[in-house]
Amino acid sequence: MALADVLPQRAAEAMLLNGLVPGCWAEAAPGRPLPEQVSGSAPELVQALATLARAEGRPDEGDMTRIAMSWFDMEDWLQALIAVLGHGPFRAAVPTEVKAELRQYATAVADRSQRAAWVRDLAAVLDDETLLVLHPPARKGYLLTMSGVGDNFQLHILLADRLVGDSGQGMVPGERPDRSWVAAATDADPYLGPGNPAIRRFRLFDGHGAYVHPEGVPADIKPLDGTRVLVLHPPNGDYGMGVGRVFQDMIPALSLDRILGPEETERWLTRIAPAVENDFMASDGQGRP
């Protein structure tokens, strides 16, 4: 926990500086390819970027050296940060504005760094977040609390586990997910393999009618009047994944707090927008991926 005051900021700075390297190199060494990201290439990059330093003012030689070294040390900072961002108490200790910086700078370099993409998604993880789920055919609504869910396909599995059941008891009718899928989405080995993919039990749309992509993250779900709303639609086929969760060391929590009463459910149903079914399993068969 002592790292919470230092590591996220240092990793954010490393990504920010790393994002500057290609432009600086193009100015200092036009036409030459960037050095490989190995320590033996550090002197070449440092010397080239040092030529951009100003004798007086900024950037000085120290600034350019820090920018150059980020080309080689960013991955180390990210690896350390990934190891701790999977833990809820650590995420809670990181200020909101620092998480926003992590997402911003990670997005800028994610095209060349898988670890940056993971940091971007980990910094967006929601904890103690309220979810309101509606099932229009049954005129049912549910209030849940979510923490530590890494992506939307994992959320699909966990929602099916919490909500699919006896319709006579107020639950969503349908086929429950296999226990191995739920375990892979929670705390067991996340890899299911090609012979036992997790099949989603419904398609999700938000309260504004937008399709919730399984490959996205829960933070992408746009709130409706301050609450993240999910609307359940039929799956229209088998959409499966061989991985139950992306971040193996991050254990999720999704609790069903209560089933909404009929009047409260109807109020929410009147507020949601019609689903824009443009996903590739849309019911009319004309959807686009």
C-alpha atoms as a PDB file:
ATOM      1  CA  MET A   1       0.000   0.000   0.000  1.00  0.00           C
ATOM      2  CA  ALA A   2       2.956   2.330   0.496  1.00  0.00           C
ATOM      3  CA  LEU A   3       3.420   2.215  -3.288  1.00  0.00           C
ATOM      4  CA  ALA A   4       0.028   3.847  -3.879  1.00  0.00           C
ATOM      5  CA  ASP A   5       1.506   7.308  -3.333  1.00  0.00           C
ATOM      6  CA  VAL A   6       4.353   6.808  -5.820  1.00  0.00           C
ATOM      7  CA  LEU A   7       4.017   3.965  -8.316  1.00  0.00           C
ATOM      8  CA  PRO A   8       0.916   5.087 -10.281  1.00  0.00           C
ATOM      9  CA  GLN A   9       2.304   8.597 -10.738  1.00  0.00           C
ATOM     10  CA  ARG A  10       5.686   7.247 -11.809  1.00  0.00           C
ATOM     11  CA  ALA A  11       4.116   4.837 -14.290  1.00  0.00           C
ATOM     12  CA  ALA A  12       1.922   7.629 -15.666  1.00  0.00           C
ATOM     13  CA  GLU A  13       4.995   9.812 -16.157  1.00  0.00           C
ATOM     14  CA  ALA A  14       6.843   6.975 -17.896  1.00  0.00           C
ATOM     15  CA  MET A  15       3.953   6.529 -20.366  1.00  0.00           C
ATOM     16  CA  LEU A  16       3.667  10.284 -20.930  1.00  0.00           C
ATOM     17  CA  LEU A  17       7.373  10.569 -21.723  1.00  0.00           C
ATOM     18  CA  ASN A  18       7.365   7.385 -23.793  1.00  0.00           C
ATOM     19  CA  GLY A  19       4.642   8.893 -25.951  1.00  0.00           C
ATOM     20  CA  LEU A  20       6.994  11.806 -26.759  1.00  0.00           C
ATOM     21  CA  VAL A  21       9.894   9.635 -27.917  1.00  0.00           C
ATOM     22  CA  PRO A  22       8.852   8.991 -31.549  1.00  0.00           C
ATOM     23  CA  GLY A  23       8.317  12.694 -32.241  1.00  0.00           C
ATOM     24  CA  CYS A  24      11.556  13.715 -30.551  1.00  0.00           C
ATOM     25  CA  TRP A  25      13.511  11.043 -32.408  1.00  0.00           C
ATOM     26  CA  ALA A  26      12.036  12.094 -35.756  1.00  0.00           C
ATOM     27  CA  GLU A  27      13.245  15.637 -35.058  1.00  0.00           C
ATOM     28  CA  ALA A  28      16.688  14.629 -33.772  1.00  0.00           C
ATOM     29  CA  ALA A  29      17.403  11.830 -36.257  1.00  0.00           C
ATOM     30  CA  PRO A  30      15.152  12.288 -39.298  1.00  0.00           C
ATOM     31  CA  GLY A  31      14.869   9.262 -41.522  1.00  0.00           C
ATOM     32  CA  ARG A  32      16.525   6.873 -39.076  1.00  0.00           C
ATOM     33  CA  PRO A  33      14.546   4.034 -37.420  1.00  0.00           C
ATOM     34  CA  LEU A  34      14.006   4.215 -33.689  1.00  0.00           C
ATOM     35  CA  PRO A  35      16.477   2.151 -31.658  1.00  0.00           C
ATOM     36  CA  GLU A  36      15.340  -1.203 -30.336  1.00  0.00           C
ATOM     37  CA  GLN A  37      13.889  -1.106 -26.814  1.00  0.00           C
ATOM     38  CA  VAL A  38      16.909  -2.837 -25.290  1.00  0.00           C
ATOM     39  CA  SER A  39      19.378  -1.352 -22.837  1.00  0.00           C
ATOM     40  CA  GLY A  40      22.258  -1.501 -25.305  1.00  0.00           C
ATOM     41  CA  SER A  41      20.476   1.090 -27.455  1.00  0.00           C
ATOM     42  CA  ALA A  42      20.108   3.606 -24.626  1.00  0.00           C
ATOM     43  CA  PRO A  43      23.276   5.639 -25.328  1.00  0.00           C
ATOM     44  CA  GLU A  44      22.304   6.165 -28.971  1.00  0.00           C
ATOM     45  CA  LEU A  45      18.856   7.454 -28.067  1.00  0.00           C
ATOM     46  CA  VAL A  46      20.064   9.605 -25.161  1.00  0.00           C
ATOM     47  CA  GLN A  47      22.776  11.227 -27.278  1.00  0.00           C
ATOM     48  CA  ALA A  48      20.390  11.933 -30.141  1.00  0.00           C
ATOM     49  CA  LEU A  49      17.680  13.453 -27.959  1.00  0.00           C
ATOM     50  CA  ALA A  50      20.212  15.487 -25.992  1.00  0.00           C
ATOM     51  CA  THR A  51      20.731  17.569 -29.128  1.00  0.00           C
ATOM     52  CA  LEU A  52      17.208  18.932 -28.635  1.00  0.00           C
ATOM     53  CA  ALA A  53      18.031  20.309 -25.174  1.00  0.00           C
ATOM     54  CA  ARG A  54      18.189  24.051 -24.718  1.00  0.00           C
ATOM     55  CA  ALA A  55      21.184  25.696 -23.147  1.00  0.00           C
ATOM     56  CA  GLU A  56      18.863  27.765 -21.012  1.00  0.00           C
ATOM     57  CA  GLY A  57      15.286  26.916 -20.129  1.00  0.00           C
ATOM     58  CA  ARG A  58      13.247  23.797 -20.879  1.00  0.00           C
ATOM     59  CA  PRO A  59      13.683  21.164 -22.038  1.00  0.00           C
ATOM     60  CA  ASP A  60      17.162  20.849 -20.620  1.00  0.00           C
ATOM     61  CA  GLU A  61      19.481  17.866 -20.984  1.00  0.00           C
ATOM     62  CA  GLY A  62      17.984  16.195 -17.928  1.00  0.00           C
ATOM     63  CA  ASP A  63      14.495  16.419 -19.447  1.00  0.00           C
ATOM     64  CA  MET A  64      15.638  14.861 -22.701  1.00  0.00           C
ATOM     65  CA  THR A  65      17.474  12.105 -20.862  1.00  0.00           C
ATOM     66  CA  ARG A  66      14.307  11.214 -18.918  1.00  0.00           C
ATOM     67  CA  ILE A  67      12.318  11.141 -22.157  1.00  0.00           C
ATOM     68  CA  ALA A  68      14.912   8.891 -23.775  1.00  0.00           C
ATOM     69  CA  MET A  69      15.089   6.489 -20.835  1.00  0.00           C
ATOM     70  CA  SER A  70      11.298   6.063 -20.822  1.00  0.00           C
ATOM     71  CA  TRP A  71      11.755   4.180 -24.103  1.00  0.00           C
ATOM     72  CA  PHE A  72      13.518   1.471 -22.101  1.00  0.00           C
ATOM     73  CA  ASP A  73      12.041   1.517 -18.588  1.00  0.00           C
ATOM     74  CA  MET A  74       8.302   2.100 -19.178  1.00  0.00           C
ATOM     75  CA  GLU A  75       7.512  -1.621 -19.373  1.00  0.00           C
ATOM     76  CA  ASP A  76       9.138  -2.220 -15.980  1.00  0.00           C
ATOM     77  CA  TRP A  77       6.997   0.449 -14.327  1.00  0.00           C
ATOM     78  CA  LEU A  78       3.875  -0.956 -15.980  1.00  0.00           C
ATOM     79  CA  GLN A  79       4.650  -4.521 -14.937  1.00  0.00           C
ATOM     80  CA  ALA A  80       4.944  -3.414 -11.318  1.00  0.00           C
ATOM     81  CA  LEU A  81       1.740  -1.381 -11.506  1.00  0.00           C
ATOM     82  CA  ILE A  82      -0.257  -4.241 -13.044  1.00  0.00           C
ATOM     83  CA  ALA A  83       0.769  -6.474 -10.140  1.00  0.00           C
ATOM     84  CA  VAL A  84      -0.851  -4.171  -7.574  1.00  0.00           C
ATOM     85  CA  LEU A  85      -3.795  -2.656  -9.492  1.00  0.00           C
ATOM     86  CA  GLY A  86      -5.520  -6.034  -9.323  1.00  0.00           C
ATOM     87  CA  HIS A  87      -6.091  -5.516  -5.579  1.00  0.00           C
ATOM     88  CA  GLY A  88      -9.143  -3.522  -4.500  1.00  0.00           C
ATOM     89  CA  PRO A  89      -7.559  -1.680  -1.538  1.00  0.00           C
ATOM     90  CA  PHE A  90      -4.745  -0.465  -3.781  1.00  0.00           C
ATOM     91  CA  ARG A  91      -7.168   0.786  -6.456  1.00  0.00           C
ATOM     92  CA  ALA A  92      -9.154   2.589  -3.760  1.00  0.00           C
ATOM     93  CA  ALA A  93      -6.004   4.345  -2.556  1.00  0.00           C
ATOM     94  CA  VAL A  94      -5.168   5.751  -6.005  1.00  0.00           C
ATOM     95  CA  PRO A  95      -6.738   9.211  -6.498  1.00  0.00           C
ATOM     96  CA  THR A  96      -9.377   9.523  -9.210  1.00  0.00           C
ATOM     97  CA  GLU A  97      -7.341  12.104 -11.098  1.00  0.00           C
ATOM     98  CA  VAL A  98      -4.308   9.802 -11.174  1.00  0.00           C
ATOM     99  CA  LYS A  99      -6.444   6.959 -12.573  1.00  0.00           C
ATOM    100  CA  ALA A 100      -7.646   9.361 -15.268  1.00  0.00           C
ATOM    101  CA  GLU A 101      -4.035  10.202 -16.154  1.00  0.00           C
ATOM    102  CA  LEU A 102      -3.153   6.515 -16.311  1.00  0.00           C
ATOM    103  CA  ARG A 103      -6.011   5.878 -18.732  1.00  0.00           C
ATOM    104  CA  GLN A 104      -5.088   8.877 -20.878  1.00  0.00           C
ATOM    105  CA  TYR A 105      -1.376   8.144 -21.150  1.00  0.00           C
ATOM    106  CA  ALA A 106      -1.885   4.386 -21.492  1.00  0.00           C
ATOM    107  CA  THR A 107      -4.284   4.907 -24.385  1.00  0.00           C
ATOM    108  CA  ALA A 108      -1.632   6.945 -26.189  1.00  0.00           C
ATOM    109  CA  VAL A 109       0.927   4.114 -26.142  1.00  0.00           C
ATOM    110  CA  ALA A 110      -1.353   1.047 -26.058  1.00  0.00           C
ATOM    111  CA  ASP A 111      -0.837   0.425 -29.775  1.00  0.00           C
ATOM    112  CA  ARG A 112       2.751  -0.633 -29.045  1.00  0.00           C
ATOM    113  CA  SER A 113       2.454  -1.902 -25.465  1.00  0.00           C
ATOM    114  CA  GLN A 114       0.104  -4.652 -24.293  1.00  0.00           C
ATOM    115  CA  ARG A 115       0.955  -3.780 -20.692  1.00  0.00           C
ATOM    116  CA  ALA A 116      -0.191  -0.214 -21.299  1.00  0.00           C
ATOM    117  CA  ALA A 117      -3.525  -1.575 -22.591  1.00  0.00           C
ATOM    118  CA  TRP A 118      -3.865  -3.638 -19.416  1.00  0.00           C
ATOM    119  CA  VAL A 119      -3.063  -0.619 -17.229  1.00  0.00           C
ATOM    120  CA  ARG A 120      -5.660   1.414 -19.139  1.00  0.00           C
ATOM    121  CA  ASP A 121      -8.322  -1.186 -18.362  1.00  0.00           C
ATOM    122  CA  LEU A 122      -7.233  -1.754 -14.756  1.00  0.00           C
ATOM    123  CA  ALA A 123      -7.345   1.982 -14.072  1.00  0.00           C
ATOM    124  CA  ALA A 124     -10.952   1.955 -15.315  1.00  0.00           C
ATOM    125  CA  VAL A 125     -12.106  -0.871 -13.014  1.00  0.00           C
ATOM    126  CA  LEU A 126     -15.209   0.056 -11.017  1.00  0.00           C
ATOM    127  CA  ASP A 127     -15.504  -0.788  -7.326  1.00  0.00           C
ATOM    128  CA  ASP A 128     -18.658  -0.680  -5.198  1.00  0.00           C
ATOM    129  CA  GLU A 129     -20.509   0.346  -8.341  1.00  0.00           C
ATOM    130  CA  THR A 130     -24.297   0.107  -8.544  1.00  0.00           C
ATOM    131  CA  LEU A 131     -25.771  -1.746 -11.518  1.00  0.00           C
ATOM    132  CA  LEU A 132     -29.459  -1.697 -12.354  1.00  0.00           C
ATOM    133  CA  VAL A 133     -30.476  -4.568 -14.638  1.00  0.00           C
ATOM    134  CA  LEU A 134     -33.811  -4.732 -16.473  1.00  0.00           C
ATOM    135  CA  HIS A 135     -35.475  -7.707 -18.181  1.00  0.00           C
ATOM    136  CA  PRO A 136     -38.285  -6.148 -20.240  1.00  0.00           C
ATOM    137  CA  PRO A 137     -40.077  -9.380 -21.324  1.00  0.00           C
ATOM    138  CA  ALA A 138     -40.640 -10.382 -17.691  1.00  0.00           C
ATOM    139  CA  ARG A 139     -41.038  -6.753 -16.499  1.00  0.00           C
ATOM    140  CA  LYS A 140     -38.382  -7.432 -13.863  1.00  0.00           C
ATOM    141  CA  GLY A 141     -35.599  -5.289 -12.449  1.00  0.00           C
ATOM    142  CA  TYR A 142     -32.610  -6.017 -10.229  1.00  0.00           C
ATOM    143  CA  LEU A 143     -30.193  -3.914  -8.215  1.00  0.00           C
ATOM    144  CA  LEU A 144     -26.634  -5.210  -7.904  1.00  0.00           C
ATOM    145  CA  THR A 145     -23.263  -3.998  -6.644  1.00  0.00           C
ATOM    146  CA  MET A 146     -20.115  -4.715  -8.640  1.00  0.00           C
ATOM    147  CA  SER A 147     -16.386  -4.575  -7.847  1.00  0.00           C
ATOM    148  CA  GLY A 148     -13.272  -5.780  -9.611  1.00  0.00           C
ATOM    149  CA  VAL A 149     -14.790  -6.899 -12.922  1.00  0.00           C
ATOM    150  CA  GLY A 150     -12.177  -6.653 -15.667  1.00  0.00           C
ATOM    151  CA  ASP A 151     -14.254  -6.803 -18.854  1.00  0.00           C
ATOM    152  CA  ASN A 152     -17.795  -7.068 -20.091  1.00  0.00           C
ATOM    153  CA  PHE A 153     -17.675 -10.745 -21.032  1.00  0.00           C
ATOM    154  CA  GLN A 154     -16.728 -11.575 -17.456  1.00  0.00           C
ATOM    155  CA  LEU A 155     -19.692  -9.420 -16.432  1.00  0.00           C
ATOM    156  CA  HIS A 156     -21.951 -11.444 -18.765  1.00  0.00           C
ATOM    157  CA  ILE A 157     -20.969 -14.671 -16.999  1.00  0.00           C
ATOM    158  CA  LEU A 158     -21.398 -13.274 -13.502  1.00  0.00           C
ATOM    159  CA  LEU A 159     -24.744 -11.634 -14.305  1.00  0.00           C
ATOM    160  CA  ALA A 160     -26.085 -14.900 -15.691  1.00  0.00           C
ATOM    161  CA  ASP A 161     -24.961 -16.689 -12.548  1.00  0.00           C
ATOM    162  CA  ARG A 162     -26.649 -14.174 -10.253  1.00  0.00           C
ATOM    163  CA  LEU A 163     -29.872 -13.628 -12.223  1.00  0.00           C
ATOM    164  CA  VAL A 164     -30.842 -16.713 -14.245  1.00  0.00           C
ATOM    165  CA  GLY A 165     -33.122 -18.963 -12.237  1.00  0.00           C
ATOM    166  CA  ASP A 166     -36.689 -19.761 -11.288  1.00  0.00           C
ATOM    167  CA  SER A 167     -39.004 -17.182 -12.826  1.00  0.00           C
ATOM    168  CA  GLY A 168     -41.508 -18.026 -10.100  1.00  0.00           C
ATOM    169  CA  GLN A 169     -39.006 -16.623  -7.619  1.00  0.00           C
ATOM    170  CA  GLY A 170     -38.573 -13.432  -9.642  1.00  0.00           C
ATOM    171  CA  MET A 171     -35.440 -14.498 -11.498  1.00  0.00           C
ATOM    172  CA  VAL A 172     -34.594 -14.342 -15.210  1.00  0.00           C
ATOM    173  CA  PRO A 173     -35.771 -17.439 -17.102  1.00  0.00           C
ATOM    174  CA  GLY A 174     -33.162 -19.281 -19.118  1.00  0.00           C
ATOM    175  CA  GLU A 175     -30.256 -21.691 -18.979  1.00  0.00           C
ATOM    176  CA  ARG A 176     -27.833 -21.143 -16.141  1.00  0.00           C
ATOM    177  CA  PRO A 177     -24.112 -20.859 -16.946  1.00  0.00           C
ATOM    178  CA  ASP A 178     -21.884 -23.867 -16.405  1.00  0.00           C
ATOM    179  CA  ARG A 179     -20.210 -23.838 -12.999  1.00  0.00           C
ATOM    180  CA  SER A 180     -16.776 -24.053 -14.619  1.00  0.00           C
ATOM    181  CA  TRP A 181     -17.472 -20.799 -16.461  1.00  0.00           C
ATOM    182  CA  VAL A 182     -18.436 -19.028 -13.242  1.00  0.00           C
ATOM    183  CA  ALA A 183     -15.349 -20.380 -11.488  1.00  0.00           C
ATOM    184  CA  ALA A 184     -13.124 -19.179 -14.356  1.00  0.00           C
ATOM    185  CA  ALA A 185     -14.739 -15.730 -14.089  1.00  0.00           C
ATOM    186  CA  THR A 186     -14.181 -15.622 -10.331  1.00  0.00           C
ATOM    187  CA  ASP A 187     -11.145 -17.245  -8.734  1.00  0.00           C
ATOM    188  CA  ALA A 188     -10.257 -20.493 -10.552  1.00  0.00           C
ATOM    189  CA  ASP A 189      -7.979 -20.908 -13.569  1.00  0.00           C
ATOM    190  CA  PRO A 190      -9.406 -18.332 -16.010  1.00  0.00           C
ATOM    191  CA  TYR A 191      -8.562 -20.384 -19.120  1.00  0.00           C
ATOM    192  CA  LEU A 192     -11.422 -22.613 -20.262  1.00  0.00           C
ATOM    193  CA  GLY A 193      -9.926 -23.805 -23.518  1.00  0.00           C
ATOM    194  CA  PRO A 194     -11.539 -24.367 -26.928  1.00  0.00           C
ATOM    195  CA  GLY A 195     -13.517 -27.394 -25.769  1.00  0.00           C
ATOM    196  CA  ASN A 196     -15.471 -25.553 -23.064  1.00  0.00           C
ATOM    197  CA  PRO A 197     -16.014 -21.917 -24.044  1.00  0.00           C
ATOM    198  CA  ALA A 198     -18.276 -19.780 -21.881  1.00  0.00           C
ATOM    199  CA  ILE A 199     -21.449 -19.008 -23.856  1.00  0.00           C
ATOM    200  CA  ARG A 200     -23.235 -15.800 -23.015  1.00  0.00           C
ATOM    201  CA  ARG A 201     -26.871 -16.109 -21.984  1.00  0.00           C
ATOM    202  CA  PHE A 202     -28.000 -12.702 -23.246  1.00  0.00           C
ATOM    203  CA  ARG A 203     -26.945  -9.582 -25.111  1.00  0.00           C
ATOM    204  CA  LEU A 204     -26.564  -6.399 -23.099  1.00  0.00           C
ATOM    205  CA  PHE A 205     -27.656  -2.869 -23.969  1.00  0.00           C
ATOM    206  CA  ASP A 206     -27.328   0.229 -21.816  1.00  0.00           C
ATOM    207  CA  GLY A 207     -30.127   2.539 -20.750  1.00  0.00           C
ATOM    208  CA  HIS A 208     -29.523   4.752 -23.785  1.00  0.00           C
ATOM    209  CA  GLY A 209     -30.051   1.846 -26.187  1.00  0.00           C
ATOM    210  CA  ALA A 210     -26.366   1.332 -27.050  1.00  0.00           C
ATOM    211  CA  TYR A 211     -24.971  -2.170 -27.435  1.00  0.00           C
ATOM    212  CA  VAL A 212     -22.558  -3.194 -24.673  1.00  0.00           C
ATOM    213  CA  HIS A 213     -19.637  -4.889 -26.424  1.00  0.00           C
ATOM    214  CA  PRO A 214     -18.368  -8.007 -24.608  1.00  0.00           C
ATOM    215  CA  GLU A 215     -14.804  -6.921 -25.419  1.00  0.00           C
ATOM    216  CA  GLY A 216     -15.241  -3.617 -23.597  1.00  0.00           C
ATOM    217  CA  VAL A 217     -15.109  -2.785 -19.891  1.00  0.00           C
ATOM    218  CA  PRO A 218     -17.918  -1.943 -17.433  1.00  0.00           C
ATOM    219  CA  ALA A 219     -16.753   1.675 -17.260  1.00  0.00           C
ATOM    220  CA  ASP A 220     -17.858   2.002 -20.905  1.00  0.00           C
ATOM    221  CA  ILE A 221     -21.502   1.559 -19.812  1.00  0.00           C
ATOM    222  CA  LYS A 222     -22.884   5.097 -19.954  1.00  0.00           C
ATOM    223  CA  PRO A 223     -24.903   5.985 -16.825  1.00  0.00           C
ATOM    224  CA  LEU A 224     -28.565   6.891 -17.107  1.00  0.00           C
ATOM    225  CA  ASP A 225     -29.495   9.566 -14.570  1.00  0.00           C
ATOM    226  CA  GLY A 226     -26.392   8.676 -12.558  1.00  0.00           C
ATOM    227  CA  THR A 227     -26.894   4.889 -12.583  1.00  0.00           C
ATOM    228  CA  ARG A 228     -25.371   2.323 -14.923  1.00  0.00           C
ATOM    229  CA  VAL A 229     -28.337   0.497 -16.427  1.00  0.00           C
ATOM    230  CA  LEU A 230     -28.191  -2.786 -18.344  1.00  0.00           C
ATOM    231  CA  VAL A 231     -31.068  -4.164 -20.401  1.00  0.00           C
ATOM    232  CA  LEU A 232     -31.138  -7.901 -21.137  1.00  0.00           C
ATOM    233  CA  HIS A 233     -31.916  -9.129 -24.663  1.00  0.00           C
ATOM    234  CA  PRO A 234     -31.969 -12.681 -26.073  1.00  0.00           C
ATOM    235  CA  PRO A 235     -28.518 -13.995 -27.075  1.00  0.00           C
ATOM    236  CA  ASN A 236     -29.657 -14.905 -30.622  1.00  0.00           C
ATOM    237  CA  GLY A 237     -26.990 -17.577 -30.984  1.00  0.00           C
ATOM    238  CA  ASP A 238     -23.851 -18.837 -29.321  1.00  0.00           C
ATOM    239  CA  TYR A 239     -21.219 -16.212 -28.567  1.00  0.00           C
ATOM    240  CA  GLY A 240     -18.407 -17.777 -26.564  1.00  0.00           C
ATOM    241  CA  MET A 241     -15.054 -16.975 -25.027  1.00  0.00           C
ATOM    242  CA  GLY A 242     -12.300 -19.296 -23.868  1.00  0.00           C
ATOM    243  CA  VAL A 243     -11.260 -17.038 -20.986  1.00  0.00           C
ATOM    244  CA  GLY A 244     -13.399 -16.336 -17.927  1.00  0.00           C
ATOM    245  CA  ARG A 245     -11.506 -13.255 -16.802  1.00  0.00           C
ATOM    246  CA  VAL A 246      -8.666 -11.149 -18.160  1.00  0.00           C
ATOM    247  CA  PHE A 247      -6.873 -10.350 -14.891  1.00  0.00           C
ATOM    248  CA  GLN A 248      -6.144 -13.580 -13.085  1.00  0.00           C
ATOM    249  CA  ASP A 249      -5.250 -12.029  -9.726  1.00  0.00           C
ATOM    250  CA  MET A 250      -8.250  -9.683  -9.574  1.00  0.00           C
ATOM    251  CA  ILE A 251     -11.106 -11.435  -7.782  1.00  0.00           C
ATOM    252  CA  PRO A 252     -14.490  -9.900  -8.701  1.00  0.00           C
ATOM    253  CA  ALA A 253     -17.565  -9.348  -6.573  1.00  0.00           C
ATOM    254  CA  LEU A 254     -21.111  -9.058  -7.909  1.00  0.00           C
ATOM    255  CA  SER A 255     -23.922  -9.164  -5.380  1.00  0.00           C
ATOM    256  CA  LEU A 256     -27.657  -9.145  -6.007  1.00  0.00           C
ATOM    257  CA  ASP A 257     -28.869  -6.599  -3.489  1.00  0.00           C
ATOM    258  CA  ARG A 258     -32.584  -6.788  -4.203  1.00  0.00           C
ATOM    259  CA  ILE A 259     -35.266  -7.444  -6.802  1.00  0.00           C
ATOM    260  CA  LEU A 260     -37.065  -4.234  -7.689  1.00  0.00           C
ATOM    261  CA  GLY A 261     -40.751  -3.913  -6.948  1.00  0.00           C
ATOM    262  CA  PRO A 262     -43.219  -3.695  -9.876  1.00  0.00           C
ATOM    263  CA  GLU A 263     -43.736   0.073  -9.656  1.00  0.00           C
ATOM    264  CA  GLU A 264     -40.013   0.855  -9.461  1.00  0.00           C
ATOM    265  CA  THR A 265     -39.324  -1.513 -12.349  1.00  0.00           C
ATOM    266  CA  GLU A 266     -41.971   0.136 -14.511  1.00  0.00           C
ATOM    267  CA  ARG A 267     -40.558   3.595 -13.783  1.00  0.00           C
ATOM    268  CA  TRP A 268     -37.149   2.470 -15.037  1.00  0.00           C
ATOM    269  CA  LEU A 269     -38.601   0.702 -18.068  1.00  0.00           C
ATOM    270  CA  THR A 270     -40.265   3.940 -19.160  1.00  0.00           C
ATOM    271  CA  ARG A 271     -36.935   5.792 -18.950  1.00  0.00           C
ATOM    272  CA  ILE A 272     -34.765   3.528 -21.100  1.00  0.00           C
ATOM    273  CA  ALA A 273     -34.312   4.114 -24.821  1.00  0.00           C
ATOM    274  CA  PRO A 274     -35.101   1.418 -27.404  1.00  0.00           C
ATOM    275  CA  ALA A 275     -32.135  -0.807 -28.148  1.00  0.00           C
ATOM    276  CA  VAL A 276     -30.169   0.057 -31.298  1.00  0.00           C
ATOM    277  CA  GLU A 277     -29.630  -3.510 -32.438  1.00  0.00           C
ATOM    278  CA  ASN A 278     -26.652  -3.093 -34.761  1.00  0.00           C
ATOM    279  CA  ASP A 279     -24.569  -5.894 -33.267  1.00  0.00           C
ATOM    280  CA  PHE A 280     -23.725  -8.921 -35.403  1.00  0.00           C
ATOM    281  CA  MET A 281     -26.344 -11.056 -33.623  1.00  0.00           C
ATOM    282  CA  ALA A 282     -29.183  -8.586 -34.033  1.00  0.00           C
ATOM    283  CA  SER A 283     -32.551 -10.270 -34.427  1.00  0.00           C
ATOM    284  CA  ASP A 284     -33.084  -9.051 -37.999  1.00  0.00           C
ATOM    285  CA  GLY A 285     -29.809 -10.532 -39.164  1.00  0.00           C
ATOM    286  CA  GLN A 286     -28.718  -7.173 -40.539  1.00  0.00           C
ATOM    287  CA  GLY A 287     -26.459  -6.200 -37.639  1.00  0.00           C
ATOM    288  CA  ARG A 288     -22.892  -5.025 -38.077  1.00  0.00           C
ATOM    289  CA  PRO A 289     -19.962  -6.064 -35.898  1.00  0.00           C
END
